[in-house]
N, C-alpha and C. Protein backbone atom coordinates (compact mmCIF):
# COMPACT_ATOMS: atom_id res chain seq x y z
N MET A 1 0.81 -1.19 -0.06
CA MET A 1 0.05 -0.05 0.10
C MET A 1 0.84 1.29 -0.05
N ALA A 2 0.53 2.09 -0.87
CA ALA A 2 1.33 3.41 -0.91
C ALA A 2 1.20 4.26 0.35
N ILE A 3 2.25 4.89 0.78
CA ILE A 3 2.21 5.90 1.89
C ILE A 3 1.44 7.08 1.39
N VAL A 4 0.48 7.47 2.20
CA VAL A 4 -0.34 8.78 1.93
C VAL A 4 0.49 10.06 2.32
N LYS A 5 0.60 10.90 1.47
CA LYS A 5 1.29 12.16 1.75
C LYS A 5 0.21 13.19 2.07
N ILE A 6 0.41 13.87 3.22
CA ILE A 6 -0.42 14.93 3.68
C ILE A 6 0.30 16.29 3.80
N GLY A 7 -0.14 17.29 3.04
CA GLY A 7 0.47 18.55 3.16
C GLY A 7 -0.08 19.47 4.29
N ILE A 8 1.00 20.05 5.05
CA ILE A 8 0.74 20.91 6.14
C ILE A 8 1.48 22.29 5.79
N ILE A 9 0.74 23.41 5.58
CA ILE A 9 1.37 24.49 5.10
C ILE A 9 1.05 25.63 6.18
N THR A 10 1.92 26.28 6.65
CA THR A 10 1.74 27.37 7.63
C THR A 10 2.00 28.71 7.05
N VAL A 11 1.12 29.65 6.93
CA VAL A 11 1.09 30.79 6.41
C VAL A 11 1.40 31.98 7.45
N SER A 12 2.63 32.40 7.49
CA SER A 12 3.04 33.35 8.43
C SER A 12 4.24 34.10 7.98
N ASP A 13 4.31 35.39 7.92
CA ASP A 13 5.57 36.10 7.67
C ASP A 13 6.57 36.05 8.67
N ARG A 14 6.19 36.17 9.88
CA ARG A 14 7.30 36.03 10.92
C ARG A 14 7.71 34.71 11.26
N ALA A 15 7.00 33.62 11.01
CA ALA A 15 7.52 32.24 11.21
C ALA A 15 8.32 31.92 10.03
N TYR A 16 8.04 32.34 8.69
CA TYR A 16 8.76 32.24 7.58
C TYR A 16 10.22 33.04 7.65
N ALA A 17 10.16 34.08 8.32
CA ALA A 17 11.37 34.87 8.35
C ALA A 17 12.23 34.45 9.69
N GLY A 18 11.72 33.35 10.54
CA GLY A 18 12.48 32.85 11.49
C GLY A 18 12.45 33.70 12.87
N VAL A 19 11.34 34.58 12.81
CA VAL A 19 11.25 35.63 14.06
C VAL A 19 10.92 34.62 15.41
N TYR A 20 10.03 33.63 14.84
CA TYR A 20 9.51 32.68 16.00
C TYR A 20 9.33 31.37 15.27
N GLU A 21 9.21 30.39 16.12
CA GLU A 21 8.85 29.02 15.67
C GLU A 21 7.41 28.75 15.36
N ASP A 22 7.31 28.05 14.47
CA ASP A 22 5.92 27.54 13.85
C ASP A 22 5.37 26.62 14.84
N ILE A 23 4.40 26.95 15.60
CA ILE A 23 3.94 25.93 16.67
C ILE A 23 2.49 25.37 16.07
N SER A 24 1.79 26.22 15.21
CA SER A 24 0.47 25.50 14.70
C SER A 24 0.85 24.25 13.66
N GLY A 25 1.64 24.56 12.83
CA GLY A 25 2.05 23.39 11.85
C GLY A 25 2.45 22.09 12.64
N LYS A 26 3.38 22.31 13.60
CA LYS A 26 3.76 21.12 14.23
C LYS A 26 2.79 20.65 15.22
N SER A 27 1.82 21.19 15.64
CA SER A 27 0.80 20.86 16.48
C SER A 27 -0.22 20.01 15.51
N ILE A 28 -0.47 20.37 14.30
CA ILE A 28 -1.20 19.70 13.48
C ILE A 28 -0.61 18.33 12.98
N ILE A 29 0.72 18.34 12.95
CA ILE A 29 1.57 17.11 12.65
C ILE A 29 1.42 16.24 13.80
N ASN A 30 1.60 16.72 15.08
CA ASN A 30 1.33 15.86 16.20
C ASN A 30 0.08 15.18 16.29
N THR A 31 -1.00 15.98 16.11
CA THR A 31 -2.34 15.46 16.05
C THR A 31 -2.74 14.53 15.09
N LEU A 32 -2.08 14.61 13.78
CA LEU A 32 -2.36 13.54 12.82
C LEU A 32 -1.73 12.26 13.25
N ASN A 33 -0.48 12.44 13.90
CA ASN A 33 0.30 11.26 14.21
C ASN A 33 -0.51 10.55 15.36
N ASP A 34 -1.32 11.47 16.30
CA ASP A 34 -1.89 10.76 17.38
C ASP A 34 -3.24 10.03 16.96
N TYR A 35 -3.88 10.39 15.75
CA TYR A 35 -5.14 9.90 15.46
C TYR A 35 -5.17 9.05 14.15
N LEU A 36 -4.18 9.22 13.43
CA LEU A 36 -4.01 8.37 12.05
C LEU A 36 -3.38 7.05 12.24
N VAL A 37 -4.16 6.02 11.84
CA VAL A 37 -3.56 4.62 12.12
C VAL A 37 -2.87 4.10 10.91
N SER A 38 -3.02 4.69 9.69
CA SER A 38 -2.33 4.30 8.55
C SER A 38 -0.88 5.12 8.55
N GLU A 39 -0.02 4.46 7.85
CA GLU A 39 1.29 5.03 7.65
C GLU A 39 1.12 6.37 6.75
N TRP A 40 1.65 7.55 7.13
CA TRP A 40 1.62 8.72 6.26
C TRP A 40 2.96 9.48 6.39
N GLU A 41 3.10 10.29 5.38
CA GLU A 41 4.33 11.03 5.31
C GLU A 41 3.88 12.70 5.36
N GLU A 42 4.52 13.27 6.08
CA GLU A 42 4.18 14.89 6.00
C GLU A 42 4.93 15.62 5.01
N VAL A 43 4.38 16.58 4.44
CA VAL A 43 4.89 17.48 3.51
C VAL A 43 4.66 18.88 4.02
N TYR A 44 5.62 19.30 4.80
CA TYR A 44 5.45 20.54 5.66
C TYR A 44 6.14 21.81 5.11
N LYS A 45 5.59 22.90 5.00
CA LYS A 45 6.26 24.04 4.63
C LYS A 45 5.75 25.34 5.34
N ILE A 46 6.63 26.26 5.56
CA ILE A 46 6.18 27.60 6.08
C ILE A 46 6.23 28.57 4.97
N VAL A 47 5.21 29.48 4.56
CA VAL A 47 5.44 30.27 3.68
C VAL A 47 4.98 31.59 4.02
N PRO A 48 5.35 32.73 3.54
CA PRO A 48 4.97 34.15 3.79
C PRO A 48 3.54 34.38 3.50
N ASP A 49 2.85 35.29 4.05
CA ASP A 49 1.61 35.70 3.73
C ASP A 49 1.39 36.55 2.59
N GLU A 50 1.68 35.79 1.48
CA GLU A 50 1.46 36.46 0.09
C GLU A 50 0.81 35.52 -0.83
N GLN A 51 -0.23 36.02 -1.36
CA GLN A 51 -0.97 35.29 -2.11
C GLN A 51 -0.51 34.35 -3.14
N GLU A 52 0.31 35.20 -3.98
CA GLU A 52 1.12 34.44 -4.98
C GLU A 52 1.95 33.23 -4.64
N VAL A 53 2.64 33.52 -3.50
CA VAL A 53 3.49 32.37 -2.98
C VAL A 53 2.55 31.12 -2.49
N ILE A 54 1.50 31.57 -1.88
CA ILE A 54 0.61 30.46 -1.27
C ILE A 54 0.00 29.65 -2.39
N GLU A 55 -0.43 30.46 -3.51
CA GLU A 55 -0.95 29.85 -4.64
C GLU A 55 -0.12 28.84 -5.48
N LYS A 56 1.06 29.39 -5.58
CA LYS A 56 2.23 28.47 -6.18
C LYS A 56 2.64 27.29 -5.44
N LYS A 57 2.54 27.35 -4.11
CA LYS A 57 3.06 26.30 -3.30
C LYS A 57 1.79 25.20 -3.32
N LEU A 58 0.51 25.81 -3.24
CA LEU A 58 -0.58 24.64 -3.24
C LEU A 58 -0.68 24.25 -4.67
N SER A 59 -0.49 24.81 -5.59
CA SER A 59 -0.55 24.30 -6.95
C SER A 59 0.60 23.16 -7.21
N LYS A 60 1.76 23.53 -6.60
CA LYS A 60 2.95 22.58 -6.74
C LYS A 60 2.65 21.33 -6.15
N TRP A 61 2.05 21.45 -5.02
CA TRP A 61 1.82 20.33 -3.93
C TRP A 61 0.66 19.53 -4.66
N SER A 62 -0.39 20.08 -5.23
CA SER A 62 -1.49 19.29 -5.74
C SER A 62 -0.99 18.53 -7.01
N ILE A 63 0.04 19.00 -7.73
CA ILE A 63 0.53 18.33 -8.70
C ILE A 63 1.49 17.19 -8.35
N MET A 64 2.39 17.49 -7.31
CA MET A 64 3.44 16.57 -7.01
C MET A 64 2.80 15.53 -6.07
N THR A 65 1.98 15.64 -5.44
CA THR A 65 1.48 14.62 -4.42
C THR A 65 0.12 14.13 -4.75
N ASN A 66 -0.41 14.59 -6.01
CA ASN A 66 -1.80 14.09 -6.47
C ASN A 66 -2.79 14.23 -5.41
N VAL A 67 -2.70 15.57 -4.82
CA VAL A 67 -3.88 15.71 -3.63
C VAL A 67 -5.21 15.76 -4.31
N ALA A 68 -6.14 14.98 -3.68
CA ALA A 68 -7.50 14.86 -4.09
C ALA A 68 -8.13 15.85 -3.05
N TRP A 69 -8.78 16.92 -3.71
CA TRP A 69 -9.19 18.02 -2.68
C TRP A 69 -10.41 17.31 -1.80
N TRP A 70 -11.22 16.37 -2.36
CA TRP A 70 -12.18 15.89 -1.66
C TRP A 70 -11.76 15.14 -0.35
N LEU A 71 -10.56 14.55 -0.54
CA LEU A 71 -9.97 13.86 0.60
C LEU A 71 -9.46 14.66 1.72
N LEU A 72 -8.84 15.89 1.18
CA LEU A 72 -8.43 16.91 2.20
C LEU A 72 -9.81 17.60 2.92
N GLN A 73 -10.89 17.54 2.23
CA GLN A 73 -12.08 17.96 2.95
C GLN A 73 -12.54 17.03 4.05
N GLU A 74 -12.35 15.87 3.59
CA GLU A 74 -12.76 14.63 4.55
C GLU A 74 -11.88 14.62 5.71
N VAL A 75 -10.71 14.89 5.45
CA VAL A 75 -9.67 14.79 6.58
C VAL A 75 -10.01 16.09 7.63
N LEU A 76 -10.36 17.14 7.01
CA LEU A 76 -10.76 18.41 7.79
C LEU A 76 -11.97 18.11 8.77
N VAL A 77 -12.91 17.55 8.10
CA VAL A 77 -14.21 17.19 8.73
C VAL A 77 -13.74 16.27 9.86
N LEU A 78 -13.01 15.27 9.64
CA LEU A 78 -12.42 14.32 10.64
C LEU A 78 -11.74 14.99 11.79
N LEU A 79 -10.88 15.80 11.52
CA LEU A 79 -10.11 16.48 12.45
C LEU A 79 -11.00 17.55 13.42
N ARG A 80 -11.93 18.15 12.56
CA ARG A 80 -12.93 18.84 13.47
C ARG A 80 -13.70 18.12 14.43
N GLU A 81 -14.20 16.98 13.95
CA GLU A 81 -15.04 16.02 14.70
C GLU A 81 -14.10 15.63 16.02
N MET A 82 -12.93 15.12 15.70
CA MET A 82 -11.80 14.75 16.90
C MET A 82 -11.61 15.85 17.79
N LEU A 83 -11.43 17.08 17.31
CA LEU A 83 -11.25 18.22 18.23
C LEU A 83 -12.44 18.31 19.10
N HIS A 84 -13.78 18.35 18.50
CA HIS A 84 -14.96 18.64 19.15
C HIS A 84 -15.11 17.54 20.29
N GLN A 85 -14.74 16.30 19.90
CA GLN A 85 -14.89 15.09 20.95
C GLN A 85 -13.88 15.55 22.05
N LYS A 86 -12.76 15.78 21.82
CA LYS A 86 -11.64 16.13 22.78
C LYS A 86 -12.14 17.21 23.72
N LEU A 87 -12.85 18.27 23.22
CA LEU A 87 -13.18 19.23 23.93
C LEU A 87 -14.37 18.91 24.80
N LEU A 88 -15.26 18.16 24.19
CA LEU A 88 -16.45 17.71 25.03
C LEU A 88 -15.86 16.81 26.30
N LYS A 89 -14.97 16.07 26.07
CA LYS A 89 -14.24 15.24 27.17
C LYS A 89 -13.67 16.14 28.08
N ARG A 90 -12.81 17.05 27.68
CA ARG A 90 -11.97 17.98 28.49
C ARG A 90 -12.87 18.89 29.44
N TYR A 91 -14.07 19.18 28.84
CA TYR A 91 -14.83 19.96 29.71
C TYR A 91 -16.06 19.40 30.28
N ALA A 92 -16.11 18.09 30.16
CA ALA A 92 -17.22 17.25 30.69
C ALA A 92 -18.52 17.53 30.14
N ILE A 93 -18.58 17.83 28.90
CA ILE A 93 -19.92 18.22 28.19
C ILE A 93 -20.22 16.97 27.49
N VAL A 94 -21.11 16.20 28.14
CA VAL A 94 -21.37 14.85 27.50
C VAL A 94 -22.78 14.66 27.33
């Protein structure tokens, strides 16, 4: 079975310039590692907050990794549900 590649892109001028460490992208990677049972490969990049740069990176990734946008949407829905369940447990809202 082929390893699934998942792209994580952080858009931040300051993180891109090295002013501070990107915590959000690494947090997403850690969360995926916690919840995904299949083997996967991260494709992680920090880019500046410039529309042209973002568009080029996403376009390149979609071609290079054969990203299926419907799959990305499904992953986002799954992550949203997992976060919701985690919050419910944390604050005892059951």
